[in-house]
Amino acid sequence: MSKNRLIEKVKSGERLSREEGEALYDLDLYALGELADRIRREKYGNKSYFNTNRHINPTNVCKDVCKFCAYSASRKNPNQYTMSHEEILKIAENSYAQGAKEVHIVSAHNPQAGLEWYMGAFRKIKAAYPDLHVKALTAAEVDFLAREYGMSYDEVLDMMIENGVDSMPGGGAEIFDEAVRDFICKGKVTSDQWLDIHRKWHQRGRMSNVTMLFGHVEERRHRIDHMLRLRDLQDETGGFNAFIPLVYQRDNNFLKVKEYPTGQEILKTYAISRILLDNIPHLKAYWVTASIGLALIAQEFGADDLDGTIEKESIQSAAGAVSSHGMDLDEFVGLIKNSGFEPVERDSLYHELKAY
């Protein structure tokens, strides 16, 4: 197919095939940006969404050893930690007092902590702050808990809901291609298991996000395959709120990637995500991994969401991201405004709360 025909197909809103998705990478960066921006503006105009949130990473003790991870403290790492419920609640209390609408709780796979440590934390937060949205447990954590405690996915998911979890984050997806997965995170949840966990979550009437970790050892075709598997599941369930392409962070891990993606490659990937994923409403430029500068530019390449203020973040910052202390609300709003977009604070399910 010629480039012109491909562009016309995108403009007319026709759904693209795998081969056409891969061919999008051959388009000029600005042509791609224009196509993605057109879709973004048809959906959301000049709005850029964010939320006031707090990331809590309660333990770094992990049973799995993923080559790309700089956060987990496995083997005999002297810097292991596991927070008590009191410590977790204190963080939630402080964040709530400062206006946080969501706590985003993702941990390592800690076999020593116990099932009640995980579930009890959610239950206590929800009991103390009923209107605080609890986004917690990636599909990788659900799979870990099911294996560790001899439970089915259904049992773990039902337990999450009973203990106050409102929605699921999108972590653990990495890249769905099993050969790549076998190299970067062998032994972790498989792609089919990850998709099945989210399918079951959506069947319970709950929403989730989904990520894609790119810029390491995967190829472009693996990214397209990843997106199309998501598109298929979204056709089935409609349960994904947002797609979040995560840029691989290269410090302090075992992958030793020599060729890091350029800014152009990252922006092309955002734009292609917006074009291919016609049924996932939001595209998030997660500033923690993309950098705030590139995330702001990504608003012109299809992204309509920048995540949030975060307050503190431990997983990506361990690998080199400059996100350990989050971002001030006024600064965040000012950056979006100065980039030519309208900042709109949202809740975790994308209901608009306040336009700036």
Protein backbone atom coordinates (compact mmCIF):
# COMPACT_ATOMS: atom_id res chain seq x y z
CA MET A 1 0.00 0.00 0.00
CA SER A 2 1.30 3.47 -0.86
CA LYS A 3 1.95 5.99 1.89
CA ASN A 4 -0.75 8.27 0.49
CA ARG A 5 -3.32 5.46 0.53
CA LEU A 6 -2.33 4.61 4.12
CA ILE A 7 -2.75 8.25 5.17
CA GLU A 8 -6.16 8.42 3.48
CA LYS A 9 -7.24 5.25 5.22
CA VAL A 10 -6.32 6.74 8.61
CA LYS A 11 -8.10 10.00 7.81
CA SER A 12 -11.27 8.15 6.83
CA GLY A 13 -11.27 6.30 10.15
CA GLU A 14 -10.80 2.83 8.68
CA ARG A 15 -9.31 0.25 11.02
CA LEU A 16 -5.75 -0.75 10.14
CA SER A 17 -4.29 -4.25 9.81
CA ARG A 18 -1.07 -5.51 11.38
CA GLU A 19 0.90 -4.82 8.18
CA GLU A 20 -0.56 -1.32 7.90
CA GLY A 21 0.25 -0.68 11.55
CA GLU A 22 3.88 -1.61 10.95
CA ALA A 23 3.93 0.58 7.82
CA LEU A 24 2.93 3.62 9.89
CA TYR A 25 6.50 3.73 11.23
CA ASP A 26 7.70 4.49 7.68
CA LEU A 27 5.70 7.72 7.56
CA ASP A 28 7.30 11.07 8.22
CA LEU A 29 7.19 12.08 11.90
CA TYR A 30 5.12 15.19 11.22
CA ALA A 31 2.68 13.34 8.98
CA LEU A 32 2.14 10.84 11.78
CA GLY A 33 1.78 13.63 14.32
CA GLU A 34 -0.80 15.37 12.18
CA LEU A 35 -2.88 12.19 11.85
CA ALA A 36 -2.74 11.44 15.58
CA ASP A 37 -3.43 15.04 16.55
CA ARG A 38 -6.51 15.09 14.32
CA ILE A 39 -7.90 12.03 16.17
CA ARG A 40 -7.02 13.51 19.57
CA ARG A 41 -8.71 16.83 18.81
CA GLU A 42 -11.83 15.15 17.45
CA LYS A 43 -12.15 13.36 20.78
CA TYR A 44 -10.99 15.97 23.30
CA GLY A 45 -10.33 19.27 21.58
CA ASN A 46 -7.59 21.19 23.40
CA LYS A 47 -8.03 19.42 26.74
CA SER A 48 -5.16 17.66 28.48
CA TYR A 49 -6.14 15.52 31.44
CA PHE A 50 -4.33 14.90 34.70
CA ASN A 51 -5.20 13.82 38.20
CA THR A 52 -4.00 14.64 41.69
CA ASN A 53 -2.59 11.32 42.78
CA ARG A 54 -0.04 9.66 45.00
CA HIS A 55 2.00 6.63 44.06
CA ILE A 56 2.72 4.28 46.95
CA ASN A 57 5.22 1.46 46.46
CA PRO A 58 4.95 -0.43 49.77
CA THR A 59 7.65 -3.09 49.28
CA ASN A 60 10.60 -3.73 47.00
CA VAL A 61 11.15 -7.37 48.04
CA CYS A 62 10.47 -9.46 44.94
CA LYS A 63 10.31 -13.15 44.15
CA ASP A 64 10.77 -12.45 40.42
CA VAL A 65 13.93 -11.16 38.76
CA CYS A 66 13.08 -9.08 35.68
CA LYS A 67 16.12 -7.92 33.76
CA PHE A 68 14.69 -4.44 33.09
CA CYS A 69 13.81 -3.71 36.73
CA ALA A 70 15.97 -1.48 38.93
CA TYR A 71 13.45 -1.30 41.76
CA SER A 72 13.13 -4.80 43.18
CA ALA A 73 15.45 -5.93 45.97
CA SER A 74 15.90 -9.62 45.34
CA ARG A 75 18.53 -12.06 46.52
CA LYS A 76 20.62 -10.48 49.32
CA ASN A 77 20.05 -6.79 48.60
CA PRO A 78 20.77 -4.79 51.79
CA ASN A 79 18.21 -2.12 50.85
CA GLN A 80 15.06 -4.20 51.22
CA TYR A 81 11.97 -2.61 52.74
CA THR A 82 8.37 -3.52 53.46
CA MET A 83 6.08 -0.85 54.89
CA SER A 84 3.71 -1.55 57.74
CA HIS A 85 0.00 -0.81 57.36
CA GLU A 86 0.51 2.15 59.68
CA GLU A 87 3.18 3.59 57.37
CA ILE A 88 1.00 3.07 54.29
CA LEU A 89 -1.99 4.68 56.03
CA LYS A 90 0.10 7.66 57.11
CA ILE A 91 1.12 8.29 53.50
CA ALA A 92 -2.51 8.04 52.39
CA GLU A 93 -3.55 10.41 55.18
CA ASN A 94 -0.97 13.04 54.22
CA SER A 95 -1.77 12.76 50.52
CA TYR A 96 -5.52 12.99 51.13
CA ALA A 97 -4.99 16.10 53.25
CA GLN A 98 -3.09 17.65 50.32
CA GLY A 99 -5.93 16.99 47.90
CA ALA A 100 -5.05 13.62 46.36
CA LYS A 101 -8.02 11.91 44.73
CA GLU A 102 -6.25 8.61 44.05
CA VAL A 103 -3.65 6.33 45.58
CA HIS A 104 -1.84 4.19 43.02
CA ILE A 105 -0.43 1.17 44.88
CA VAL A 106 2.04 -1.10 43.09
CA SER A 107 4.59 -3.30 44.82
CA ALA A 108 7.14 -5.97 44.14
CA HIS A 109 6.08 -9.62 44.48
CA ASN A 110 6.87 -10.14 48.15
CA PRO A 111 6.44 -13.79 49.27
CA GLN A 112 7.16 -12.88 52.91
CA ALA A 113 4.49 -10.23 53.41
CA GLY A 114 1.37 -12.42 53.36
CA LEU A 115 -1.96 -12.06 51.60
CA GLU A 116 -3.49 -10.06 54.45
CA TRP A 117 -0.67 -7.52 54.20
CA TYR A 118 -1.76 -6.74 50.64
CA MET A 119 -5.53 -6.83 51.15
CA GLY A 120 -5.50 -5.29 54.61
CA ALA A 121 -3.75 -2.19 53.29
CA PHE A 122 -6.49 -1.57 50.73
CA ARG A 123 -9.25 -2.24 53.26
CA LYS A 124 -7.82 0.14 55.84
CA ILE A 125 -7.30 2.95 53.32
CA LYS A 126 -10.86 2.59 52.02
CA ALA A 127 -12.28 2.49 55.55
CA ALA A 128 -10.43 5.67 56.53
CA TYR A 129 -10.98 7.55 53.24
CA PRO A 130 -14.07 6.16 51.45
CA ASP A 131 -13.92 8.70 48.61
CA LEU A 132 -10.22 8.10 47.88
CA HIS A 133 -9.91 6.00 44.71
CA VAL A 134 -7.74 2.94 45.28
CA LYS A 135 -5.96 1.85 42.11
CA ALA A 136 -3.96 -1.23 42.98
CA LEU A 137 -2.37 -4.52 41.95
CA THR A 138 -1.07 -5.06 38.46
CA ALA A 139 -2.00 -8.27 36.67
CA ALA A 140 1.54 -9.46 37.44
CA GLU A 141 0.82 -9.04 41.16
CA VAL A 142 -2.55 -10.80 40.81
CA ASP A 143 -0.80 -13.71 39.11
CA PHE A 144 1.88 -13.78 41.82
CA LEU A 145 -0.70 -13.83 44.63
CA ALA A 146 -2.72 -16.56 42.90
CA ARG A 147 0.37 -18.76 42.51
CA GLU A 148 1.77 -18.01 45.96
CA TYR A 149 -1.45 -18.77 47.84
CA GLY A 150 -3.00 -21.47 45.63
CA MET A 151 -5.90 -19.30 44.52
CA SER A 152 -7.64 -18.74 41.20
CA TYR A 153 -7.54 -15.37 39.46
CA ASP A 154 -11.27 -15.05 40.13
CA GLU A 155 -10.72 -15.50 43.86
CA VAL A 156 -7.96 -12.87 43.99
CA LEU A 157 -9.97 -10.36 41.95
CA ASP A 158 -13.07 -10.86 44.11
CA MET A 159 -10.94 -10.39 47.22
CA MET A 160 -9.55 -7.14 45.80
CA ILE A 161 -13.06 -5.77 45.27
CA GLU A 162 -14.16 -6.90 48.75
CA ASN A 163 -11.22 -5.04 50.26
CA GLY A 164 -11.76 -1.73 48.49
CA VAL A 165 -9.81 -1.78 45.21
CA ASP A 166 -11.61 0.43 42.67
CA SER A 167 -9.56 -0.02 39.50
CA MET A 168 -6.43 -1.76 38.29
CA PRO A 169 -3.26 -0.14 36.92
CA GLY A 170 -1.80 -1.39 33.66
CA GLY A 171 1.62 -2.57 34.78
CA GLY A 172 3.16 -5.95 34.06
CA ALA A 173 2.14 -5.96 30.40
CA GLU A 174 5.70 -5.12 29.23
CA ILE A 175 5.71 -6.56 25.67
CA PHE A 176 3.28 -9.38 24.90
CA ASP A 177 5.56 -11.27 22.49
CA GLU A 178 6.55 -14.39 24.45
CA ALA A 179 10.09 -14.63 23.05
CA VAL A 180 10.83 -11.08 24.21
CA ARG A 181 9.05 -11.78 27.48
CA ASP A 182 11.09 -14.91 28.01
CA PHE A 183 14.25 -12.80 27.76
CA ILE A 184 13.29 -9.77 29.85
CA CYS A 185 10.95 -11.23 32.53
CA LYS A 186 11.06 -15.03 32.44
CA GLY A 187 8.75 -16.67 34.98
CA LYS A 188 6.45 -13.66 35.33
CA VAL A 189 2.80 -13.58 34.24
CA THR A 190 2.45 -14.59 30.57
CA SER A 191 0.81 -12.37 27.96
CA ASP A 192 -2.28 -14.60 27.78
CA GLN A 193 -2.56 -14.65 31.57
CA TRP A 194 -2.20 -10.85 31.73
CA LEU A 195 -4.99 -10.41 29.19
CA ASP A 196 -7.19 -12.98 30.93
CA ILE A 197 -6.83 -11.23 34.31
CA HIS A 198 -7.93 -7.92 32.80
CA ARG A 199 -10.76 -9.67 30.92
CA LYS A 200 -12.03 -11.08 34.23
CA TRP A 201 -11.67 -7.68 35.91
CA HIS A 202 -13.66 -6.00 33.14
CA GLN A 203 -16.34 -8.71 33.39
CA ARG A 204 -16.81 -7.56 36.98
CA GLY A 205 -17.75 -4.13 35.70
CA ARG A 206 -14.39 -2.61 36.67
CA MET A 207 -12.01 -0.50 34.62
CA SER A 208 -8.25 -0.76 34.16
CA ASN A 209 -5.36 0.75 32.27
CA VAL A 210 -2.74 -0.96 30.15
CA THR A 211 0.96 -0.29 29.59
CA MET A 212 3.58 -1.22 27.01
CA LEU A 213 7.25 -1.10 27.94
CA PHE A 214 9.26 -0.20 24.83
CA GLY A 215 12.72 0.92 23.84
CA HIS A 216 14.69 -2.09 25.08
CA VAL A 217 15.18 -5.31 23.05
CA GLU A 218 11.80 -5.40 21.29
CA GLU A 219 11.29 -4.52 17.63
CA ARG A 220 8.64 -2.29 16.10
CA ARG A 221 6.60 -5.31 15.01
CA HIS A 222 6.39 -6.43 18.65
CA ARG A 223 4.87 -3.07 19.62
CA ILE A 224 2.26 -3.35 16.88
CA ASP A 225 1.42 -6.91 17.96
CA HIS A 226 1.04 -5.67 21.54
CA MET A 227 -1.36 -2.91 20.51
CA LEU A 228 -3.48 -5.18 18.34
CA ARG A 229 -3.91 -7.74 21.11
CA LEU A 230 -5.20 -4.91 23.29
CA ARG A 231 -7.50 -3.68 20.56
CA ASP A 232 -9.00 -7.18 20.32
CA LEU A 233 -9.62 -7.42 24.07
CA GLN A 234 -11.09 -3.91 24.16
CA ASP A 235 -13.50 -4.91 21.37
CA GLU A 236 -14.59 -7.74 23.65
CA THR A 237 -14.83 -5.97 27.03
CA GLY A 238 -14.55 -2.17 26.63
CA GLY A 239 -12.83 -2.09 30.01
CA PHE A 240 -9.60 -0.18 29.31
CA ASN A 241 -9.53 3.51 30.22
CA ALA A 242 -6.11 4.39 28.88
CA PHE A 243 -3.09 3.05 27.02
CA ILE A 244 0.25 4.03 28.54
CA PRO A 245 3.44 3.53 26.48
CA LEU A 246 6.26 3.39 29.02
CA VAL A 247 9.72 4.37 27.83
CA TYR A 248 12.31 1.91 29.13
CA GLN A 249 14.64 3.39 31.76
CA ARG A 250 18.18 2.14 31.33
CA ASP A 251 19.99 2.75 34.64
CA ASN A 252 20.76 0.12 37.30
CA ASN A 253 19.36 -2.98 35.60
CA PHE A 254 20.54 -6.08 33.76
CA LEU A 255 19.38 -5.50 30.19
CA LYS A 256 22.39 -3.42 29.16
CA VAL A 257 20.59 -1.89 26.18
CA LYS A 258 23.01 -0.03 23.95
CA GLU A 259 20.61 1.62 21.48
CA TYR A 260 18.14 3.87 23.24
CA PRO A 261 15.08 5.11 21.27
CA THR A 262 15.31 8.64 19.93
CA GLY A 263 12.75 11.30 20.76
CA GLN A 264 11.40 10.85 17.24
CA GLU A 265 10.96 7.10 17.75
CA ILE A 266 9.13 7.70 21.02
CA LEU A 267 6.82 10.29 19.46
CA LYS A 268 6.12 8.02 16.49
CA THR A 269 5.13 5.27 18.91
CA TYR A 270 2.71 7.60 20.72
CA ALA A 271 1.16 8.69 17.42
CA ILE A 272 0.81 5.14 16.12
CA SER A 273 -0.79 4.11 19.43
CA ARG A 274 -3.42 6.81 19.01
CA ILE A 275 -4.11 5.75 15.41
CA LEU A 276 -4.25 1.97 15.98
CA LEU A 277 -6.08 1.91 19.31
CA ASP A 278 -9.31 3.39 18.02
CA ASN A 279 -11.34 1.83 20.85
CA ILE A 280 -9.23 2.73 23.91
CA PRO A 281 -10.37 6.24 24.87
CA HIS A 282 -7.24 7.82 26.34
CA LEU A 283 -3.54 7.85 25.47
CA LYS A 284 -1.34 8.72 28.41
CA ALA A 285 2.11 10.27 28.03
CA TYR A 286 3.41 9.16 31.41
CA TRP A 287 5.84 11.98 32.11
CA VAL A 288 7.74 9.86 34.63
CA THR A 289 9.26 7.69 31.89
CA ALA A 290 9.00 10.00 28.88
CA SER A 291 10.35 13.08 30.74
CA ILE A 292 8.08 16.06 31.23
CA GLY A 293 9.45 17.82 28.14
CA LEU A 294 8.73 14.94 25.78
CA ALA A 295 5.35 14.27 27.43
CA LEU A 296 4.30 17.85 26.74
CA ILE A 297 5.31 17.48 23.08
CA ALA A 298 3.44 14.15 22.95
CA GLN A 299 0.23 16.15 23.42
CA GLU A 300 0.67 17.10 19.76
CA PHE A 301 1.20 13.43 18.80
CA GLY A 302 -2.07 12.01 20.11
CA ALA A 303 -1.64 12.01 23.89
CA ASP A 304 -4.50 13.59 25.85
CA ASP A 305 -3.40 12.63 29.37
CA LEU A 306 -0.21 13.28 31.34
CA ASP A 307 -1.01 11.15 34.42
CA GLY A 308 -0.73 13.32 37.50
CA THR A 309 1.19 15.05 40.24
CA ILE A 310 2.28 11.64 41.68
CA GLU A 311 3.91 13.23 44.79
CA LYS A 312 6.43 10.40 45.12
CA GLU A 313 7.49 7.55 42.86
CA SER A 314 10.05 4.80 43.50
CA ILE A 315 9.96 2.26 40.66
CA GLN A 316 10.91 4.29 37.56
CA SER A 317 13.16 6.67 39.50
CA ALA A 318 15.26 3.68 40.61
CA ALA A 319 16.12 3.21 36.93
CA GLY A 320 16.99 6.84 36.26
CA ALA A 321 13.67 8.69 35.84
CA VAL A 322 13.57 12.10 37.57
CA SER A 323 10.26 11.41 39.30
CA SER A 324 11.11 10.54 42.87
CA HIS A 325 9.34 13.59 44.31
CA GLY A 326 6.49 14.04 41.82
CA MET A 327 5.48 17.51 40.68
CA ASP A 328 3.79 20.51 42.27
CA LEU A 329 0.19 21.03 41.11
CA ASP A 330 0.67 24.68 40.12
CA GLU A 331 3.82 23.84 38.18
CA PHE A 332 2.06 20.96 36.41
CA VAL A 333 -0.89 23.15 35.40
CA GLY A 334 1.47 25.91 34.27
CA LEU A 335 3.47 23.55 32.05
CA ILE A 336 0.33 22.28 30.31
CA LYS A 337 -0.94 25.83 29.77
CA ASN A 338 2.41 27.01 28.41
CA SER A 339 2.42 24.11 25.94
CA GLY A 340 -0.79 25.47 24.44
CA PHE A 341 -3.31 23.06 25.96
CA GLU A 342 -6.11 23.36 28.51
CA PRO A 343 -5.37 21.53 31.78
CA VAL A 344 -8.37 19.55 33.03
CA GLU A 345 -8.22 17.75 36.35
CA ARG A 346 -10.03 14.40 36.19
CA ASP A 347 -10.85 11.61 38.56
CA SER A 348 -9.49 8.11 38.08
CA LEU A 349 -12.29 7.17 35.66
CA TYR A 350 -11.93 10.35 33.56
CA HIS A 351 -14.85 12.35 34.92
CA GLU A 352 -13.87 16.02 34.60
CA LEU A 353 -13.45 17.77 37.97
CA LYS A 354 -11.93 21.16 37.20
CA ALA A 355 -10.76 23.03 34.10
CA TYR A 356 -7.92 25.52 34.56
